[in-house]
Structure formats: structure tokens, C-alpha cells
Amino acid sequence: MLTIRLSRTGKTKQPYYRLIVSEKARDPWGVAVEILGNYNPRTKKADFDAERVRHWLSRGAQTSDTVWNLLLSLNLVEGKKRQIVPPPKKDETKKEAEPAAVS
């Protein structure tokens, strides 16, 4: 399945992203099917090829939640904003309790 997502290309503490189309299972820093534009979160400047984005969406490409919300803010797609939930943090209390139970 093809997905439209961001691939980070910036230096340390200077994020800069490319908007790419690639296979979902492939590495986002690997070979992309197509580069659709770029995004600089520091200046909030997004330069996307709107025609190509619509083309890939019509061909069935899925978007990541972040890209979907970004495309909504640029009025390239219509719909509701997706809630982005960060992954849960690992419990450090469980890690400390396990060695005590062993002894």
C-alpha cells in the first residue's frame, strides 16, 4: 500500500521534511516513488505540488495523520482533523519491581 508521509532531511535541531510517496513498509529515508514537496516547521512554510497530491490520493494512497492535518490546514483535502496520540511511555516502576521479585 502506498502512503504519503514526511521524511526528515534537516540537520540536528533544524528539522526540514520532504513530503514523499512510498510503500508503507519501506524506510521513509529510502527510495521514494515520488517527492511531492517539502515542509519547514520552523517557518511553517509548506511547498507541496497540490495537483500531484490529489493525484496520489485519487489513486488510493493513504496519508499519515500528520500529513493529513497539514493538508487540511492548506485546504488541499476536506474532512475532519485526525487526533494524533503519542505512543504510551514505558512504566519505569514495573522495571524496578521485577528485579526485586526475582530475589
N, C-alpha and C. Protein backbone atom coordinates (compact mmCIF):
# COMPACT_ATOMS: atom_id res chain seq x y z
N MET A 1 0.84 -1.17 0.00
CA MET A 1 0.00 0.00 0.00
C MET A 1 0.89 1.25 0.00
N LEU A 2 0.54 2.20 -0.82
CA LEU A 2 1.29 3.45 -0.89
C LEU A 2 0.82 4.40 0.20
N THR A 3 1.75 5.15 0.75
CA THR A 3 1.43 6.12 1.77
C THR A 3 2.16 7.43 1.49
N ILE A 4 1.49 8.52 1.83
CA ILE A 4 2.09 9.86 1.72
C ILE A 4 2.50 10.25 3.12
N ARG A 5 3.79 10.51 3.31
CA ARG A 5 4.28 10.83 4.65
C ARG A 5 5.47 11.76 4.57
N LEU A 6 5.93 12.20 5.74
CA LEU A 6 7.07 13.10 5.83
C LEU A 6 8.35 12.31 6.06
N SER A 7 9.43 12.79 5.46
CA SER A 7 10.74 12.20 5.65
C SER A 7 11.69 13.31 6.08
N ARG A 8 12.28 13.17 7.25
CA ARG A 8 13.13 14.24 7.78
C ARG A 8 14.47 14.27 7.04
N THR A 9 14.88 15.48 6.65
CA THR A 9 16.15 15.65 5.96
C THR A 9 17.00 16.74 6.58
N GLY A 10 16.54 17.42 7.61
CA GLY A 10 17.26 18.54 8.19
C GLY A 10 18.42 18.13 9.06
N LYS A 11 19.18 19.14 9.48
CA LYS A 11 20.31 18.90 10.37
C LYS A 11 19.81 18.79 11.81
N THR A 12 20.74 18.56 12.73
CA THR A 12 20.40 18.46 14.14
C THR A 12 19.78 19.76 14.62
N LYS A 13 18.63 19.65 15.25
CA LYS A 13 17.87 20.78 15.79
C LYS A 13 17.42 21.78 14.72
N GLN A 14 17.46 21.37 13.46
CA GLN A 14 16.95 22.19 12.36
C GLN A 14 16.10 21.30 11.45
N PRO A 15 14.90 20.94 11.91
CA PRO A 15 14.10 19.99 11.14
C PRO A 15 13.65 20.56 9.80
N TYR A 16 13.63 19.70 8.81
CA TYR A 16 13.17 20.02 7.47
C TYR A 16 12.67 18.71 6.88
N TYR A 17 11.52 18.72 6.28
CA TYR A 17 10.90 17.48 5.84
C TYR A 17 10.58 17.50 4.35
N ARG A 18 10.63 16.32 3.74
CA ARG A 18 10.14 16.12 2.39
C ARG A 18 8.81 15.40 2.48
N LEU A 19 7.88 15.76 1.63
CA LEU A 19 6.63 15.03 1.51
C LEU A 19 6.83 14.00 0.41
N ILE A 20 6.76 12.72 0.77
CA ILE A 20 7.08 11.65 -0.18
C ILE A 20 5.93 10.66 -0.31
N VAL A 21 5.93 9.95 -1.42
CA VAL A 21 5.04 8.81 -1.63
C VAL A 21 5.93 7.59 -1.64
N SER A 22 5.63 6.62 -0.78
CA SER A 22 6.43 5.39 -0.74
C SER A 22 5.56 4.25 -0.22
N GLU A 23 6.10 3.05 -0.31
CA GLU A 23 5.41 1.90 0.25
C GLU A 23 5.37 2.04 1.77
N LYS A 24 4.29 1.63 2.37
CA LYS A 24 4.12 1.79 3.82
C LYS A 24 5.19 1.04 4.61
N ALA A 25 5.58 -0.13 4.15
CA ALA A 25 6.54 -0.96 4.89
C ALA A 25 7.99 -0.53 4.66
N ARG A 26 8.24 0.36 3.73
CA ARG A 26 9.62 0.76 3.43
C ARG A 26 10.10 1.87 4.34
N ASP A 27 11.39 1.99 4.42
CA ASP A 27 12.04 3.01 5.20
C ASP A 27 11.73 4.40 4.63
N PRO A 28 11.29 5.37 5.45
CA PRO A 28 10.98 6.70 4.91
C PRO A 28 12.21 7.45 4.40
N TRP A 29 13.41 6.99 4.75
CA TRP A 29 14.62 7.64 4.26
C TRP A 29 15.19 6.92 3.05
N GLY A 30 14.51 5.88 2.62
CA GLY A 30 14.95 5.11 1.46
C GLY A 30 14.45 5.73 0.16
N VAL A 31 14.34 4.89 -0.85
CA VAL A 31 13.91 5.35 -2.16
C VAL A 31 12.41 5.62 -2.14
N ALA A 32 12.01 6.82 -2.58
CA ALA A 32 10.61 7.19 -2.63
C ALA A 32 10.09 7.04 -4.05
N VAL A 33 8.80 6.75 -4.18
CA VAL A 33 8.18 6.67 -5.50
C VAL A 33 8.19 8.06 -6.13
N GLU A 34 7.85 9.09 -5.32
CA GLU A 34 7.84 10.46 -5.81
C GLU A 34 7.98 11.42 -4.63
N ILE A 35 8.67 12.52 -4.85
CA ILE A 35 8.77 13.59 -3.85
C ILE A 35 7.76 14.66 -4.24
N LEU A 36 6.82 14.95 -3.34
CA LEU A 36 5.72 15.86 -3.64
C LEU A 36 5.96 17.29 -3.17
N GLY A 37 6.97 17.51 -2.38
CA GLY A 37 7.24 18.86 -1.90
C GLY A 37 8.06 18.80 -0.63
N ASN A 38 8.07 19.94 0.08
CA ASN A 38 8.82 20.00 1.33
C ASN A 38 8.09 20.87 2.34
N TYR A 39 8.51 20.74 3.61
CA TYR A 39 7.87 21.44 4.71
C TYR A 39 8.93 21.84 5.72
N ASN A 40 8.91 23.13 6.10
CA ASN A 40 9.82 23.64 7.10
C ASN A 40 8.99 24.02 8.32
N PRO A 41 9.03 23.23 9.40
CA PRO A 41 8.20 23.52 10.57
C PRO A 41 8.66 24.74 11.36
N ARG A 42 9.88 25.17 11.16
CA ARG A 42 10.37 26.35 11.88
C ARG A 42 9.73 27.62 11.36
N THR A 43 9.55 27.70 10.05
CA THR A 43 8.91 28.88 9.45
C THR A 43 7.47 28.60 9.07
N LYS A 44 7.01 27.36 9.27
CA LYS A 44 5.66 26.90 8.91
C LYS A 44 5.40 27.05 7.41
N LYS A 45 6.45 26.96 6.60
CA LYS A 45 6.32 27.08 5.15
C LYS A 45 6.20 25.68 4.55
N ALA A 46 5.10 25.48 3.81
CA ALA A 46 4.87 24.21 3.14
C ALA A 46 4.79 24.46 1.64
N ASP A 47 5.58 23.74 0.88
CA ASP A 47 5.61 23.88 -0.57
C ASP A 47 5.30 22.51 -1.17
N PHE A 48 4.00 22.26 -1.43
CA PHE A 48 3.56 20.97 -1.96
C PHE A 48 3.01 21.16 -3.36
N ASP A 49 3.17 20.14 -4.18
CA ASP A 49 2.57 20.12 -5.52
C ASP A 49 1.14 19.60 -5.34
N ALA A 50 0.18 20.52 -5.27
CA ALA A 50 -1.21 20.17 -4.96
C ALA A 50 -1.80 19.21 -5.98
N GLU A 51 -1.48 19.40 -7.23
CA GLU A 51 -2.02 18.53 -8.28
C GLU A 51 -1.55 17.08 -8.09
N ARG A 52 -0.27 16.90 -7.78
CA ARG A 52 0.26 15.55 -7.58
C ARG A 52 -0.27 14.92 -6.29
N VAL A 53 -0.47 15.73 -5.25
CA VAL A 53 -1.04 15.20 -4.00
C VAL A 53 -2.43 14.66 -4.27
N ARG A 54 -3.25 15.45 -4.98
CA ARG A 54 -4.61 14.99 -5.31
C ARG A 54 -4.57 13.75 -6.21
N HIS A 55 -3.60 13.70 -7.12
CA HIS A 55 -3.45 12.55 -8.00
C HIS A 55 -3.21 11.28 -7.19
N TRP A 56 -2.27 11.32 -6.25
CA TRP A 56 -1.95 10.13 -5.46
C TRP A 56 -3.09 9.75 -4.53
N LEU A 57 -3.80 10.74 -4.00
CA LEU A 57 -4.96 10.43 -3.15
C LEU A 57 -6.06 9.76 -3.97
N SER A 58 -6.23 10.19 -5.22
CA SER A 58 -7.25 9.56 -6.08
C SER A 58 -6.84 8.15 -6.48
N ARG A 59 -5.55 7.86 -6.48
CA ARG A 59 -5.06 6.52 -6.82
C ARG A 59 -5.09 5.58 -5.62
N GLY A 60 -5.53 6.08 -4.46
CA GLY A 60 -5.69 5.22 -3.29
C GLY A 60 -4.57 5.30 -2.27
N ALA A 61 -3.67 6.25 -2.40
CA ALA A 61 -2.59 6.40 -1.42
C ALA A 61 -3.17 6.91 -0.10
N GLN A 62 -2.70 6.36 1.01
CA GLN A 62 -3.12 6.79 2.34
C GLN A 62 -2.15 7.85 2.85
N THR A 63 -2.61 8.68 3.78
CA THR A 63 -1.73 9.69 4.37
C THR A 63 -1.49 9.36 5.84
N SER A 64 -0.36 9.81 6.34
CA SER A 64 -0.13 9.72 7.78
C SER A 64 -1.02 10.77 8.44
N ASP A 65 -1.24 10.64 9.74
CA ASP A 65 -2.11 11.59 10.45
C ASP A 65 -1.54 13.00 10.39
N THR A 66 -0.24 13.15 10.54
CA THR A 66 0.39 14.46 10.49
C THR A 66 0.24 15.10 9.12
N VAL A 67 0.45 14.33 8.08
CA VAL A 67 0.31 14.85 6.72
C VAL A 67 -1.14 15.23 6.45
N TRP A 68 -2.08 14.40 6.90
CA TRP A 68 -3.50 14.70 6.71
C TRP A 68 -3.85 16.05 7.32
N ASN A 69 -3.42 16.28 8.57
CA ASN A 69 -3.72 17.55 9.25
C ASN A 69 -3.03 18.72 8.55
N LEU A 70 -1.85 18.49 8.01
CA LEU A 70 -1.13 19.53 7.28
C LEU A 70 -1.86 19.87 5.98
N LEU A 71 -2.33 18.85 5.27
CA LEU A 71 -3.08 19.08 4.03
C LEU A 71 -4.41 19.77 4.31
N LEU A 72 -5.04 19.47 5.44
CA LEU A 72 -6.27 20.17 5.82
C LEU A 72 -6.02 21.65 6.05
N SER A 73 -4.92 21.97 6.72
CA SER A 73 -4.62 23.38 7.00
C SER A 73 -4.31 24.16 5.73
N LEU A 74 -3.86 23.46 4.67
CA LEU A 74 -3.57 24.11 3.39
C LEU A 74 -4.76 24.03 2.43
N ASN A 75 -5.89 23.47 2.90
CA ASN A 75 -7.12 23.32 2.10
C ASN A 75 -6.91 22.48 0.85
N LEU A 76 -6.06 21.47 0.93
CA LEU A 76 -5.86 20.55 -0.19
C LEU A 76 -6.81 19.36 -0.13
N VAL A 77 -7.31 19.05 1.06
CA VAL A 77 -8.28 17.98 1.24
C VAL A 77 -9.40 18.49 2.15
N GLU A 78 -10.51 17.77 2.13
CA GLU A 78 -11.63 18.12 3.01
C GLU A 78 -11.89 16.96 3.95
N GLY A 79 -12.30 17.28 5.15
CA GLY A 79 -12.59 16.26 6.13
C GLY A 79 -12.36 16.80 7.53
N LYS A 80 -12.32 15.88 8.49
CA LYS A 80 -12.08 16.27 9.87
C LYS A 80 -10.61 16.06 10.22
N LYS A 81 -10.16 16.86 11.17
CA LYS A 81 -8.79 16.73 11.65
C LYS A 81 -8.65 15.43 12.43
N ARG A 82 -7.53 14.75 12.24
CA ARG A 82 -7.27 13.49 12.95
C ARG A 82 -6.54 13.77 14.25
N GLN A 83 -6.93 13.05 15.28
CA GLN A 83 -6.28 13.17 16.58
C GLN A 83 -4.97 12.40 16.56
N ILE A 84 -3.89 13.04 16.90
CA ILE A 84 -2.58 12.39 16.94
C ILE A 84 -2.27 12.05 18.39
N VAL A 85 -2.16 10.76 18.66
CA VAL A 85 -1.92 10.28 20.02
C VAL A 85 -0.48 9.80 20.11
N PRO A 86 0.32 10.36 21.03
CA PRO A 86 1.69 9.88 21.17
C PRO A 86 1.71 8.46 21.74
N PRO A 87 2.74 7.69 21.42
CA PRO A 87 2.82 6.33 21.95
C PRO A 87 2.96 6.35 23.47
N PRO A 88 2.40 5.36 24.17
CA PRO A 88 2.49 5.35 25.63
C PRO A 88 3.93 5.15 26.10
N LYS A 89 4.26 5.81 27.19
CA LYS A 89 5.60 5.67 27.76
C LYS A 89 5.67 4.39 28.57
N LYS A 90 6.84 3.78 28.58
CA LYS A 90 7.02 2.55 29.35
C LYS A 90 7.06 2.88 30.83
N ASP A 91 6.47 2.01 31.62
CA ASP A 91 6.43 2.21 33.06
C ASP A 91 7.78 1.85 33.66
N GLU A 92 8.42 2.80 34.32
CA GLU A 92 9.71 2.52 34.95
C GLU A 92 9.50 1.85 36.30
N THR A 93 8.32 2.00 36.89
CA THR A 93 8.08 1.36 38.18
C THR A 93 8.01 -0.16 38.02
N LYS A 94 7.50 -0.63 36.90
CA LYS A 94 7.45 -2.07 36.66
C LYS A 94 8.85 -2.64 36.48
N LYS A 95 9.74 -1.89 35.84
CA LYS A 95 11.11 -2.36 35.63
C LYS A 95 11.83 -2.50 36.96
N GLU A 96 11.59 -1.58 37.88
CA GLU A 96 12.24 -1.63 39.18
C GLU A 96 11.66 -2.76 40.04
N ALA A 97 10.39 -3.05 39.88
CA ALA A 97 9.73 -4.07 40.70
C ALA A 97 10.13 -5.48 40.27
N GLU A 98 10.43 -5.69 39.01
CA GLU A 98 10.77 -7.02 38.52
C GLU A 98 12.04 -7.59 39.16
N PRO A 99 13.15 -6.86 39.25
CA PRO A 99 14.34 -7.44 39.89
C PRO A 99 14.11 -7.75 41.38
N ALA A 100 13.29 -7.00 42.06
CA ALA A 100 13.02 -7.25 43.47
C ALA A 100 12.23 -8.55 43.63
N ALA A 101 11.36 -8.85 42.70
CA ALA A 101 10.55 -10.06 42.78
C ALA A 101 11.39 -11.31 42.51
N VAL A 102 12.46 -11.19 41.76
CA VAL A 102 13.31 -12.32 41.41
C VAL A 102 14.12 -12.79 42.61
N SER A 103 14.60 -11.88 43.42
CA SER A 103 15.46 -12.26 44.53
C SER A 103 14.73 -12.69 45.76
